[in-house]
Amino acid sequence: MIDLRSDTVTKPTEAMRKVMVEAEVGDDVWGDDPTVNHLEALAAEMLGTEAALYVSSGTQSNLVAIMAHCQRGDEYIVSQNAHTYKYEGGGAAVLGSIQPQPLETIQDGTIPLEKIRAAIKPDDFHFAITRLLCLENTIGGKVLPINYIKEASNLAKNQGLKNHLDGARLFNAVVKLGCDVKDISQYFDSISICLSKGLGAPVGSVLCGSKDLIKSARRLRKMLGGGMRQAGVIAAAGIYALENNIQRLALDHDNALLLGQGLAELEELDVDLDFLHTNMVFFKPMSGDSMVLCDYLQKKNILVEAANQIRLVTHMQVSQKDVQTIIDSVKAFYQ
């Protein structure tokens, strides 16, 4: 089965499994797990922050960050398509009583600065207090330009807001731009990075920020049931991922481009090549039901998420040979 539903379906390699088996462990809730401590120190050093916190998922990482920045009744500004708003079960609102202020993005994935400025509430007790701007990079596979990040960050800072980055696929953006991760992370008060997507670890994310923010986030992680004990077994996979699997993301990007270009040869498909920045290919049939195509592909052992606009995600378990198989299968569907 060629699984293109997401890069979350990656499985640890034999080398990664070996370091997991050999990991030195302790009780992380007590702060005694040396492998977790190593992972947190490594992530903080890479992103240029004072501290970091290992958590079970990107959703938890984003949630504890938002709750650390905001109080009950505050609000955060966020893209209408962002994971922190659309795909995390409403956690900030339900568990933190923090109101999202979603804004529409334009085609390149950015929120226009004038929309951000207009959404910041005045000092009036009729309104929730705007505390935080949340950006996502990459968003829908699109890379936010560094100049935009700088301008949005400065706007927020000048208005007294904090900045959080959902950087679940931040290293995809770094590889695409050919920059250092600090070139992006420097503009944020907190950054969440996911280890279990393209980087290939089986579980976990890391929240990076100041010592004070991470102290608050650690308390919130415990409150949310996220305290893990001998977590070094899985943290070891995260260390391996950060040390070995970042630059290989370029292969996923190359395969996605090859896949997108191959599908674009079919006049029956509308393929978004303009914003094919990283490892996600978006397309839809010019006519007919896309679900029929999805069902056909599954019968050919190609698993995709059924939707009107189909998203194909390349990752370390999708080879160039697999890409050609996918292209040939879609072409056969239209013959």
C-alpha atoms as a PDB file:
ATOM      1  CA  MET A   1       0.000   0.000   0.000  1.00  0.00           C
ATOM      2  CA  ILE A   2       1.306   3.437  -0.953  1.00  0.00           C
ATOM      3  CA  ASP A   3      -0.105   5.683   1.772  1.00  0.00           C
ATOM      4  CA  LEU A   4      -0.400   9.338   0.736  1.00  0.00           C
ATOM      5  CA  ARG A   5      -2.930  10.488   3.338  1.00  0.00           C
ATOM      6  CA  SER A   6      -0.314  12.346   5.388  1.00  0.00           C
ATOM      7  CA  ASP A   7       3.338  12.359   6.400  1.00  0.00           C
ATOM      8  CA  THR A   8       2.110  11.283   9.845  1.00  0.00           C
ATOM      9  CA  VAL A   9       1.977   7.696   8.554  1.00  0.00           C
ATOM     10  CA  THR A  10       5.774   7.410   8.477  1.00  0.00           C
ATOM     11  CA  LYS A  11       7.282   4.482  10.345  1.00  0.00           C
ATOM     12  CA  PRO A  12      10.587   4.518  12.238  1.00  0.00           C
ATOM     13  CA  THR A  13      13.578   3.130  10.386  1.00  0.00           C
ATOM     14  CA  GLU A  14      15.718   0.324  11.768  1.00  0.00           C
ATOM     15  CA  ALA A  15      18.366   2.850  12.805  1.00  0.00           C
ATOM     16  CA  MET A  16      15.756   4.872  14.690  1.00  0.00           C
ATOM     17  CA  ARG A  17      14.350   1.759  16.349  1.00  0.00           C
ATOM     18  CA  LYS A  18      17.858   0.837  17.522  1.00  0.00           C
ATOM     19  CA  VAL A  19      18.377   4.108  19.384  1.00  0.00           C
ATOM     20  CA  MET A  20      14.917   3.727  20.930  1.00  0.00           C
ATOM     21  CA  VAL A  21      15.793   0.278  22.273  1.00  0.00           C
ATOM     22  CA  GLU A  22      19.088   1.541  23.676  1.00  0.00           C
ATOM     23  CA  ALA A  23      17.724   4.783  25.159  1.00  0.00           C
ATOM     24  CA  GLU A  24      18.666   5.643  28.731  1.00  0.00           C
ATOM     25  CA  VAL A  25      15.479   6.489  30.621  1.00  0.00           C
ATOM     26  CA  GLY A  26      14.202   7.929  33.882  1.00  0.00           C
ATOM     27  CA  ASP A  27      10.993   9.528  35.152  1.00  0.00           C
ATOM     28  CA  ASP A  28      10.375  12.603  33.016  1.00  0.00           C
ATOM     29  CA  VAL A  29       7.663  14.026  35.309  1.00  0.00           C
ATOM     30  CA  TRP A  30      10.392  14.291  37.950  1.00  0.00           C
ATOM     31  CA  GLY A  31      12.766  15.670  35.322  1.00  0.00           C
ATOM     32  CA  ASP A  32      14.934  12.562  35.590  1.00  0.00           C
ATOM     33  CA  ASP A  33      14.834  11.209  32.037  1.00  0.00           C
ATOM     34  CA  PRO A  34      18.229  12.043  30.487  1.00  0.00           C
ATOM     35  CA  THR A  35      17.096  11.320  26.932  1.00  0.00           C
ATOM     36  CA  VAL A  36      14.108  13.647  27.193  1.00  0.00           C
ATOM     37  CA  ASN A  37      16.369  16.299  28.720  1.00  0.00           C
ATOM     38  CA  HIS A  38      18.789  15.859  25.821  1.00  0.00           C
ATOM     39  CA  LEU A  39      15.998  16.218  23.266  1.00  0.00           C
ATOM     40  CA  GLU A  40      14.676  19.384  24.899  1.00  0.00           C
ATOM     41  CA  ALA A  41      18.157  20.919  25.106  1.00  0.00           C
ATOM     42  CA  LEU A  42      18.860  20.006  21.476  1.00  0.00           C
ATOM     43  CA  ALA A  43      15.618  21.536  20.215  1.00  0.00           C
ATOM     44  CA  ALA A  44      16.117  24.718  22.237  1.00  0.00           C
ATOM     45  CA  GLU A  45      19.670  25.085  20.917  1.00  0.00           C
ATOM     46  CA  MET A  46      18.601  24.513  17.316  1.00  0.00           C
ATOM     47  CA  LEU A  47      15.794  27.092  17.495  1.00  0.00           C
ATOM     48  CA  GLY A  48      17.710  29.590  19.617  1.00  0.00           C
ATOM     49  CA  THR A  49      15.359  29.577  22.610  1.00  0.00           C
ATOM     50  CA  GLU A  50      16.064  29.359  26.341  1.00  0.00           C
ATOM     51  CA  ALA A  51      14.152  26.146  26.936  1.00  0.00           C
ATOM     52  CA  ALA A  52      11.926  23.465  25.417  1.00  0.00           C
ATOM     53  CA  LEU A  53       9.283  20.949  26.450  1.00  0.00           C
ATOM     54  CA  TYR A  54       8.658  17.487  25.006  1.00  0.00           C
ATOM     55  CA  VAL A  55       4.948  16.714  24.624  1.00  0.00           C
ATOM     56  CA  SER A  56       2.885  13.901  23.195  1.00  0.00           C
ATOM     57  CA  SER A  57       1.541  15.686  20.110  1.00  0.00           C
ATOM     58  CA  GLY A  58       1.479  18.868  18.081  1.00  0.00           C
ATOM     59  CA  THR A  59      -2.071  19.507  19.245  1.00  0.00           C
ATOM     60  CA  GLN A  60      -0.952  19.418  22.881  1.00  0.00           C
ATOM     61  CA  SER A  61       2.073  21.569  22.101  1.00  0.00           C
ATOM     62  CA  ASN A  62      -0.050  24.259  20.490  1.00  0.00           C
ATOM     63  CA  LEU A  63      -2.652  24.087  23.250  1.00  0.00           C
ATOM     64  CA  VAL A  64      -0.234  24.507  26.152  1.00  0.00           C
ATOM     65  CA  ALA A  65       1.442  27.379  24.268  1.00  0.00           C
ATOM     66  CA  ILE A  66      -1.843  29.221  23.705  1.00  0.00           C
ATOM     67  CA  MET A  67      -2.903  28.617  27.314  1.00  0.00           C
ATOM     68  CA  ALA A  68       0.482  29.839  28.583  1.00  0.00           C
ATOM     69  CA  HIS A  69       0.190  33.059  26.584  1.00  0.00           C
ATOM     70  CA  CYS A  70      -3.511  33.766  27.242  1.00  0.00           C
ATOM     71  CA  GLN A  71      -5.895  33.910  30.170  1.00  0.00           C
ATOM     72  CA  ARG A  72      -9.542  32.845  30.221  1.00  0.00           C
ATOM     73  CA  GLY A  73     -11.574  35.254  28.104  1.00  0.00           C
ATOM     74  CA  ASP A  74      -8.597  36.394  26.022  1.00  0.00           C
ATOM     75  CA  GLU A  75      -8.379  35.752  22.283  1.00  0.00           C
ATOM     76  CA  TYR A  76      -5.827  34.722  19.698  1.00  0.00           C
ATOM     77  CA  ILE A  77      -5.741  35.743  16.034  1.00  0.00           C
ATOM     78  CA  VAL A  78      -5.331  32.832  13.660  1.00  0.00           C
ATOM     79  CA  SER A  79      -5.851  31.745  10.065  1.00  0.00           C
ATOM     80  CA  GLN A  80      -9.235  30.258   9.277  1.00  0.00           C
ATOM     81  CA  ASN A  81      -7.369  27.291   7.758  1.00  0.00           C
ATOM     82  CA  ALA A  82      -4.827  26.898  10.559  1.00  0.00           C
ATOM     83  CA  HIS A  83      -4.459  23.684  12.485  1.00  0.00           C
ATOM     84  CA  THR A  84      -4.742  25.508  15.819  1.00  0.00           C
ATOM     85  CA  TYR A  85      -8.194  26.727  14.814  1.00  0.00           C
ATOM     86  CA  LYS A  86      -9.660  24.126  12.489  1.00  0.00           C
ATOM     87  CA  TYR A  87      -8.181  20.753  13.330  1.00  0.00           C
ATOM     88  CA  GLU A  88      -7.539  20.632  17.076  1.00  0.00           C
ATOM     89  CA  GLY A  89     -11.033  19.990  18.389  1.00  0.00           C
ATOM     90  CA  GLY A  90     -11.564  23.543  19.612  1.00  0.00           C
ATOM     91  CA  GLY A  91      -9.206  22.810  22.507  1.00  0.00           C
ATOM     92  CA  ALA A  92      -8.212  26.404  23.234  1.00  0.00           C
ATOM     93  CA  ALA A  93     -11.868  27.418  23.532  1.00  0.00           C
ATOM     94  CA  VAL A  94     -13.079  24.286  25.324  1.00  0.00           C
ATOM     95  CA  LEU A  95     -10.181  23.734  27.736  1.00  0.00           C
ATOM     96  CA  GLY A  96      -8.681  27.205  27.974  1.00  0.00           C
ATOM     97  CA  SER A  97     -11.766  29.424  27.525  1.00  0.00           C
ATOM     98  CA  ILE A  98      -9.672  31.310  24.969  1.00  0.00           C
ATOM     99  CA  GLN A  99     -11.519  32.731  21.998  1.00  0.00           C
ATOM    100  CA  PRO A 100     -10.116  32.278  18.491  1.00  0.00           C
ATOM    101  CA  GLN A 101     -10.420  35.156  16.055  1.00  0.00           C
ATOM    102  CA  PRO A 102     -10.113  33.375  12.684  1.00  0.00           C
ATOM    103  CA  LEU A 103      -9.131  35.416   9.632  1.00  0.00           C
ATOM    104  CA  GLU A 104      -9.237  34.462   5.971  1.00  0.00           C
ATOM    105  CA  THR A 105      -5.928  33.759   4.284  1.00  0.00           C
ATOM    106  CA  ILE A 106      -5.008  34.604   0.722  1.00  0.00           C
ATOM    107  CA  GLN A 107      -3.792  32.075  -1.812  1.00  0.00           C
ATOM    108  CA  ASP A 108      -0.177  32.009  -0.623  1.00  0.00           C
ATOM    109  CA  GLY A 109      -1.218  31.076   2.917  1.00  0.00           C
ATOM    110  CA  THR A 110      -0.597  34.470   4.519  1.00  0.00           C
ATOM    111  CA  ILE A 111      -3.073  36.573   6.472  1.00  0.00           C
ATOM    112  CA  PRO A 112      -2.979  40.126   5.087  1.00  0.00           C
ATOM    113  CA  LEU A 113      -1.388  42.454   7.627  1.00  0.00           C
ATOM    114  CA  GLU A 114      -4.240  44.946   7.402  1.00  0.00           C
ATOM    115  CA  LYS A 115      -6.667  42.181   8.412  1.00  0.00           C
ATOM    116  CA  ILE A 116      -4.525  41.321  11.432  1.00  0.00           C
ATOM    117  CA  ARG A 117      -4.341  44.982  12.445  1.00  0.00           C
ATOM    118  CA  ALA A 118      -8.094  45.434  12.072  1.00  0.00           C
ATOM    119  CA  ALA A 119      -8.840  42.316  14.156  1.00  0.00           C
ATOM    120  CA  ILE A 120      -6.926  43.514  17.229  1.00  0.00           C
ATOM    121  CA  LYS A 121      -9.554  44.618  19.706  1.00  0.00           C
ATOM    122  CA  PRO A 122      -9.511  48.064  21.333  1.00  0.00           C
ATOM    123  CA  ASP A 123      -9.189  48.453  25.093  1.00  0.00           C
ATOM    124  CA  ASP A 124     -12.902  48.181  25.765  1.00  0.00           C
ATOM    125  CA  PHE A 125     -14.607  45.810  28.222  1.00  0.00           C
ATOM    126  CA  HIS A 126     -17.099  44.827  25.516  1.00  0.00           C
ATOM    127  CA  PHE A 127     -14.357  42.846  23.759  1.00  0.00           C
ATOM    128  CA  ALA A 128     -12.131  39.915  24.515  1.00  0.00           C
ATOM    129  CA  ILE A 129      -8.529  41.016  25.025  1.00  0.00           C
ATOM    130  CA  THR A 130      -6.357  40.189  22.031  1.00  0.00           C
ATOM    131  CA  ARG A 131      -3.200  38.558  23.393  1.00  0.00           C
ATOM    132  CA  LEU A 132      -1.646  36.408  20.702  1.00  0.00           C
ATOM    133  CA  LEU A 133      -1.005  36.007  16.987  1.00  0.00           C
ATOM    134  CA  CYS A 134      -0.709  32.402  15.791  1.00  0.00           C
ATOM    135  CA  LEU A 135       0.913  31.638  12.446  1.00  0.00           C
ATOM    136  CA  GLU A 136       1.556  28.277  10.808  1.00  0.00           C
ATOM    137  CA  ASN A 137       4.527  27.344   8.638  1.00  0.00           C
ATOM    138  CA  THR A 138       4.171  25.439   6.422  1.00  0.00           C
ATOM    139  CA  ILE A 139       0.416  25.866   5.965  1.00  0.00           C
ATOM    140  CA  GLY A 140      -1.208  23.573   3.442  1.00  0.00           C
ATOM    141  CA  GLY A 141       2.296  22.773   2.241  1.00  0.00           C
ATOM    142  CA  LYS A 142       2.963  26.450   1.510  1.00  0.00           C
ATOM    143  CA  VAL A 143       6.013  28.227   2.888  1.00  0.00           C
ATOM    144  CA  LEU A 144       5.505  31.639   4.470  1.00  0.00           C
ATOM    145  CA  PRO A 145       8.064  34.188   3.227  1.00  0.00           C
ATOM    146  CA  ILE A 146      10.501  35.295   5.926  1.00  0.00           C
ATOM    147  CA  ASN A 147       9.827  38.965   5.149  1.00  0.00           C
ATOM    148  CA  TYR A 148       6.126  38.390   5.793  1.00  0.00           C
ATOM    149  CA  ILE A 149       6.883  36.621   9.082  1.00  0.00           C
ATOM    150  CA  LYS A 150       9.065  39.549  10.144  1.00  0.00           C
ATOM    151  CA  GLU A 151       6.403  42.120   9.271  1.00  0.00           C
ATOM    152  CA  ALA A 152       3.599  40.159  10.978  1.00  0.00           C
ATOM    153  CA  SER A 153       5.766  39.648  14.066  1.00  0.00           C
ATOM    154  CA  ASN A 154       6.634  43.345  14.261  1.00  0.00           C
ATOM    155  CA  LEU A 155       2.976  44.275  13.860  1.00  0.00           C
ATOM    156  CA  ALA A 156       1.987  41.985  16.715  1.00  0.00           C
ATOM    157  CA  LYS A 157       4.838  43.148  18.939  1.00  0.00           C
ATOM    158  CA  ASN A 158       4.023  46.817  18.339  1.00  0.00           C
ATOM    159  CA  GLN A 159       0.440  46.091  19.381  1.00  0.00           C
ATOM    160  CA  GLY A 160       1.536  44.334  22.569  1.00  0.00           C
ATOM    161  CA  LEU A 161       0.796  40.809  21.319  1.00  0.00           C
ATOM    162  CA  LYS A 162       2.850  37.646  21.631  1.00  0.00           C
ATOM    163  CA  ASN A 163       3.652  35.441  18.627  1.00  0.00           C
ATOM    164  CA  HIS A 164       3.231  31.661  18.438  1.00  0.00           C
ATOM    165  CA  LEU A 165       4.282  29.499  15.493  1.00  0.00           C
ATOM    166  CA  ASP A 166       2.688  26.177  14.754  1.00  0.00           C
ATOM    167  CA  GLY A 167       5.800  24.833  13.089  1.00  0.00           C
ATOM    168  CA  ALA A 168       4.620  21.254  12.731  1.00  0.00           C
ATOM    169  CA  ARG A 169       6.370  21.209   9.348  1.00  0.00           C
ATOM    170  CA  LEU A 170       8.790  24.049  10.057  1.00  0.00           C
ATOM    171  CA  PHE A 171      11.772  22.073   8.809  1.00  0.00           C
ATOM    172  CA  ASN A 172      10.056  21.570   5.443  1.00  0.00           C
ATOM    173  CA  ALA A 173      10.012  25.369   5.186  1.00  0.00           C
ATOM    174  CA  VAL A 174      13.648  25.580   6.286  1.00  0.00           C
ATOM    175  CA  VAL A 175      14.768  23.069   3.668  1.00  0.00           C
ATOM    176  CA  LYS A 176      12.730  24.758   0.949  1.00  0.00           C
ATOM    177  CA  LEU A 177      14.137  28.205   1.779  1.00  0.00           C
ATOM    178  CA  GLY A 178      17.676  26.917   2.328  1.00  0.00           C
ATOM    179  CA  CYS A 179      17.922  28.901   5.564  1.00  0.00           C
ATOM    180  CA  ASP A 180      18.739  28.187   9.193  1.00  0.00           C
ATOM    181  CA  VAL A 181      15.760  27.411  11.412  1.00  0.00           C
ATOM    182  CA  LYS A 182      16.731  30.376  13.622  1.00  0.00           C
ATOM    183  CA  ASP A 183      16.084  32.683  10.660  1.00  0.00           C
ATOM    184  CA  ILE A 184      12.396  31.890  11.230  1.00  0.00           C
ATOM    185  CA  SER A 185      12.174  31.017  14.934  1.00  0.00           C
ATOM    186  CA  GLN A 186      13.732  34.326  16.020  1.00  0.00           C
ATOM    187  CA  TYR A 187      10.459  36.123  15.334  1.00  0.00           C
ATOM    188  CA  PHE A 188       8.332  34.058  17.719  1.00  0.00           C
ATOM    189  CA  ASP A 189       7.809  33.850  21.463  1.00  0.00           C
ATOM    190  CA  SER A 190       6.972  30.161  21.169  1.00  0.00           C
ATOM    191  CA  ILE A 191       7.445  27.576  18.445  1.00  0.00           C
ATOM    192  CA  SER A 192       5.978  24.089  18.187  1.00  0.00           C
ATOM    193  CA  ILE A 193       7.834  21.550  16.057  1.00  0.00           C
ATOM    194  CA  CYS A 194       6.476  18.107  15.223  1.00  0.00           C
ATOM    195  CA  LEU A 195       8.784  15.084  15.199  1.00  0.00           C
ATOM    196  CA  SER A 196       6.271  12.555  13.881  1.00  0.00           C
ATOM    197  CA  LYS A 197       5.554  13.938  10.409  1.00  0.00           C
ATOM    198  CA  GLY A 198       8.245  14.184   7.730  1.00  0.00           C
ATOM    199  CA  LEU A 199      10.998  13.774  10.306  1.00  0.00           C
ATOM    200  CA  GLY A 200       9.812  10.205  10.821  1.00  0.00           C
ATOM    201  CA  ALA A 201       9.618   9.761  14.591  1.00  0.00           C
ATOM    202  CA  PRO A 202       6.671   7.666  15.822  1.00  0.00           C
ATOM    203  CA  VAL A 203       5.302  10.229  18.298  1.00  0.00           C
ATOM    204  CA  GLY A 204       5.910  13.611  19.886  1.00  0.00           C
ATOM    205  CA  SER A 205       6.385  17.333  19.436  1.00  0.00           C
ATOM    206  CA  VAL A 206       8.585  19.921  21.135  1.00  0.00           C
ATOM    207  CA  LEU A 207       7.518  23.375  22.298  1.00  0.00           C
ATOM    208  CA  CYS A 208      10.353  25.917  22.376  1.00  0.00           C
ATOM    209  CA  GLY A 209      10.349  29.278  24.131  1.00  0.00           C
ATOM    210  CA  SER A 210      11.584  31.246  27.133  1.00  0.00           C
ATOM    211  CA  LYS A 211      12.246  29.617  30.506  1.00  0.00           C
ATOM    212  CA  ASP A 212       9.170  31.294  31.983  1.00  0.00           C
ATOM    213  CA  LEU A 213       6.915  30.196  29.134  1.00  0.00           C
ATOM    214  CA  ILE A 214       8.152  26.604  29.286  1.00  0.00           C
ATOM    215  CA  LYS A 215       7.685  26.563  33.072  1.00  0.00           C
ATOM    216  CA  SER A 216       4.032  27.522  32.561  1.00  0.00           C
ATOM    217  CA  ALA A 217       3.660  25.061  29.692  1.00  0.00           C
ATOM    218  CA  ARG A 218       5.073  22.226  31.817  1.00  0.00           C
ATOM    219  CA  ARG A 219       2.404  22.850  34.468  1.00  0.00           C
ATOM    220  CA  LEU A 220      -0.280  22.949  31.765  1.00  0.00           C
ATOM    221  CA  ARG A 221       1.033  19.728  30.207  1.00  0.00           C
ATOM    222  CA  LYS A 222       0.577  18.000  33.569  1.00  0.00           C
ATOM    223  CA  MET A 223      -2.914  19.487  33.953  1.00  0.00           C
ATOM    224  CA  LEU A 224      -3.867  18.095  30.537  1.00  0.00           C
ATOM    225  CA  GLY A 225      -2.645  14.615  31.426  1.00  0.00           C
ATOM    226  CA  GLY A 226       0.470  14.900  29.293  1.00  0.00           C
ATOM    227  CA  GLY A 227       3.083  14.006  31.863  1.00  0.00           C
ATOM    228  CA  MET A 228       5.030  11.024  30.540  1.00  0.00           C
ATOM    229  CA  ARG A 229       7.271   8.779  32.613  1.00  0.00           C
ATOM    230  CA  GLN A 230      10.059   6.798  30.902  1.00  0.00           C
ATOM    231  CA  ALA A 231       9.544   8.858  27.763  1.00  0.00           C
ATOM    232  CA  GLY A 232      13.176   8.582  26.729  1.00  0.00           C
ATOM    233  CA  VAL A 233      12.233   5.546  24.653  1.00  0.00           C
ATOM    234  CA  ILE A 234      10.297   7.781  22.258  1.00  0.00           C
ATOM    235  CA  ALA A 235      12.373  10.922  22.830  1.00  0.00           C
ATOM    236  CA  ALA A 236      15.366   9.023  21.431  1.00  0.00           C
ATOM    237  CA  ALA A 237      13.532   8.774  18.131  1.00  0.00           C
ATOM    238  CA  GLY A 238      13.052  12.557  18.200  1.00  0.00           C
ATOM    239  CA  ILE A 239      16.769  13.124  18.728  1.00  0.00           C
ATOM    240  CA  TYR A 240      17.564  10.804  15.840  1.00  0.00           C
ATOM    241  CA  ALA A 241      15.041  12.642  13.663  1.00  0.00           C
ATOM    242  CA  LEU A 242      16.534  16.080  14.375  1.00  0.00           C
ATOM    243  CA  GLU A 243      20.074  14.854  13.850  1.00  0.00           C
ATOM    244  CA  ASN A 244      19.503  12.767  10.714  1.00  0.00           C
ATOM    245  CA  ASN A 245      16.218  13.430   8.931  1.00  0.00           C
ATOM    246  CA  ILE A 246      15.990  17.157   8.242  1.00  0.00           C
ATOM    247  CA  GLN A 247      17.917  17.475   4.987  1.00  0.00           C
ATOM    248  CA  ARG A 248      16.288  14.346   3.549  1.00  0.00           C
ATOM    249  CA  LEU A 249      13.002  16.302   3.455  1.00  0.00           C
ATOM    250  CA  ALA A 250      14.294  17.671   0.139  1.00  0.00           C
ATOM    251  CA  LEU A 251      13.679  14.208  -1.344  1.00  0.00           C
ATOM    252  CA  ASP A 252      10.021  14.425  -0.325  1.00  0.00           C
ATOM    253  CA  HIS A 253       9.796  17.852  -1.957  1.00  0.00           C
ATOM    254  CA  ASP A 254      11.373  16.530  -5.160  1.00  0.00           C
ATOM    255  CA  ASN A 255       8.980  13.588  -5.252  1.00  0.00           C
ATOM    256  CA  ALA A 256       5.989  15.872  -4.697  1.00  0.00           C
ATOM    257  CA  LEU A 257       7.085  18.101  -7.580  1.00  0.00           C
ATOM    258  CA  LEU A 258       7.575  15.070  -9.826  1.00  0.00           C
ATOM    259  CA  LEU A 259       4.130  13.820  -8.821  1.00  0.00           C
ATOM    260  CA  GLY A 260       2.464  17.177  -9.401  1.00  0.00           C
ATOM    261  CA  GLN A 261       4.076  17.657 -12.792  1.00  0.00           C
ATOM    262  CA  GLY A 262       3.086  14.154 -13.841  1.00  0.00           C
ATOM    263  CA  LEU A 263      -0.545  14.678 -12.856  1.00  0.00           C
ATOM    264  CA  ALA A 264      -0.603  18.087 -14.535  1.00  0.00           C
ATOM    265  CA  GLU A 265      -0.056  16.353 -17.879  1.00  0.00           C
ATOM    266  CA  LEU A 266      -3.665  15.158 -17.650  1.00  0.00           C
ATOM    267  CA  GLU A 267      -6.130  17.695 -19.017  1.00  0.00           C
ATOM    268  CA  GLU A 268      -8.809  16.106 -16.840  1.00  0.00           C
ATOM    269  CA  LEU A 269      -7.126  17.395 -13.669  1.00  0.00           C
ATOM    270  CA  ASP A 270      -6.667  20.827 -12.150  1.00  0.00           C
ATOM    271  CA  VAL A 271      -3.311  20.623 -10.341  1.00  0.00           C
ATOM    272  CA  ASP A 272      -1.960  23.427  -8.157  1.00  0.00           C
ATOM    273  CA  LEU A 273       1.652  23.762  -9.254  1.00  0.00           C
ATOM    274  CA  ASP A 274       2.003  27.446  -8.356  1.00  0.00           C
ATOM    275  CA  PHE A 275       2.074  26.735  -4.616  1.00  0.00           C
ATOM    276  CA  LEU A 276       3.617  23.265  -4.670  1.00  0.00           C
ATOM    277  CA  HIS A 277       6.375  24.341  -2.291  1.00  0.00           C
ATOM    278  CA  THR A 278       7.087  21.247  -0.246  1.00  0.00           C
ATOM    279  CA  ASN A 279       5.619  17.747   0.114  1.00  0.00           C
ATOM    280  CA  MET A 280       1.922  18.288  -0.639  1.00  0.00           C
ATOM    281  CA  VAL A 281       0.194  18.029  -4.004  1.00  0.00           C
ATOM    282  CA  PHE A 282      -3.342  19.398  -4.326  1.00  0.00           C
ATOM    283  CA  PHE A 283      -5.554  18.628  -7.304  1.00  0.00           C
ATOM    284  CA  LYS A 284      -9.147  17.987  -8.294  1.00  0.00           C
ATOM    285  CA  PRO A 285     -10.882  16.571 -11.349  1.00  0.00           C
ATOM    286  CA  MET A 286     -12.132  19.165 -13.824  1.00  0.00           C
ATOM    287  CA  SER A 287     -15.417  17.252 -13.898  1.00  0.00           C
ATOM    288  CA  GLY A 288     -16.903  14.246 -12.148  1.00  0.00           C
ATOM    289  CA  ASP A 289     -16.749  13.039  -8.580  1.00  0.00           C
ATOM    290  CA  SER A 290     -13.300  12.985  -6.985  1.00  0.00           C
ATOM    291  CA  MET A 291     -14.490  10.249  -4.610  1.00  0.00           C
ATOM    292  CA  VAL A 292     -14.718   7.839  -7.538  1.00  0.00           C
ATOM    293  CA  LEU A 293     -11.052   8.454  -8.288  1.00  0.00           C
ATOM    294  CA  CYS A 294     -10.133   7.985  -4.619  1.00  0.00           C
ATOM    295  CA  ASP A 295     -11.962   4.656  -4.504  1.00  0.00           C
ATOM    296  CA  TYR A 296     -10.245   3.548  -7.706  1.00  0.00           C
ATOM    297  CA  LEU A 297      -6.816   4.394  -6.305  1.00  0.00           C
ATOM    298  CA  GLN A 298      -7.490   2.476  -3.114  1.00  0.00           C
ATOM    299  CA  LYS A 299      -8.275  -0.609  -5.183  1.00  0.00           C
ATOM    300  CA  LYS A 300      -4.837  -0.092  -6.749  1.00  0.00           C
ATOM    301  CA  ASN A 301      -3.276  -0.054  -3.252  1.00  0.00           C
ATOM    302  CA  ILE A 302      -2.837   3.716  -3.271  1.00  0.00           C
ATOM    303  CA  LEU A 303      -4.392   5.242  -0.172  1.00  0.00           C
ATOM    304  CA  VAL A 304      -5.499   8.894  -0.298  1.00  0.00           C
ATOM    305  CA  GLU A 305      -7.791  10.967   1.877  1.00  0.00           C
ATOM    306  CA  ALA A 306     -11.175  11.224   0.166  1.00  0.00           C
ATOM    307  CA  ALA A 307     -12.095  14.861  -0.468  1.00  0.00           C
ATOM    308  CA  ASN A 308     -13.331  17.137  -3.214  1.00  0.00           C
ATOM    309  CA  GLN A 309      -9.832  18.568  -3.504  1.00  0.00           C
ATOM    310  CA  ILE A 310      -7.428  15.662  -3.186  1.00  0.00           C
ATOM    311  CA  ARG A 311      -4.229  16.084  -1.171  1.00  0.00           C
ATOM    312  CA  LEU A 312      -1.295  13.760  -1.778  1.00  0.00           C
ATOM    313  CA  VAL A 313       1.513  13.920   0.798  1.00  0.00           C
ATOM    314  CA  THR A 314       4.951  12.496   0.060  1.00  0.00           C
ATOM    315  CA  HIS A 315       7.200  11.224   2.847  1.00  0.00           C
ATOM    316  CA  MET A 316      10.130   8.919   3.560  1.00  0.00           C
ATOM    317  CA  GLN A 317       8.162   5.783   2.720  1.00  0.00           C
ATOM    318  CA  VAL A 318       7.165   7.093  -0.728  1.00  0.00           C
ATOM    319  CA  SER A 319       9.861   6.446  -3.325  1.00  0.00           C
ATOM    320  CA  GLN A 320      10.354   7.864  -6.799  1.00  0.00           C
ATOM    321  CA  LYS A 321       9.190   4.492  -8.128  1.00  0.00           C
ATOM    322  CA  ASP A 322       6.003   4.863  -6.068  1.00  0.00           C
ATOM    323  CA  VAL A 323       5.468   8.315  -7.570  1.00  0.00           C
ATOM    324  CA  GLN A 324       5.558   6.876 -11.071  1.00  0.00           C
ATOM    325  CA  THR A 325       3.132   4.127 -10.016  1.00  0.00           C
ATOM    326  CA  ILE A 326       0.705   6.785  -8.756  1.00  0.00           C
ATOM    327  CA  ILE A 327       0.967   8.828 -11.968  1.00  0.00           C
ATOM    328  CA  ASP A 328       0.451   5.746 -14.132  1.00  0.00           C
ATOM    329  CA  SER A 329      -2.564   4.670 -12.043  1.00  0.00           C
ATOM    330  CA  VAL A 330      -4.279   8.060 -12.334  1.00  0.00           C
ATOM    331  CA  LYS A 331      -3.606   8.150 -16.069  1.00  0.00           C
ATOM    332  CA  ALA A 332      -5.085   4.656 -16.414  1.00  0.00           C
ATOM    333  CA  PHE A 333      -8.238   5.854 -14.644  1.00  0.00           C
ATOM    334  CA  TYR A 334      -8.822   8.451 -17.362  1.00  0.00           C
ATOM    335  CA  GLN A 335      -8.018   6.223 -20.325  1.00  0.00           C
END
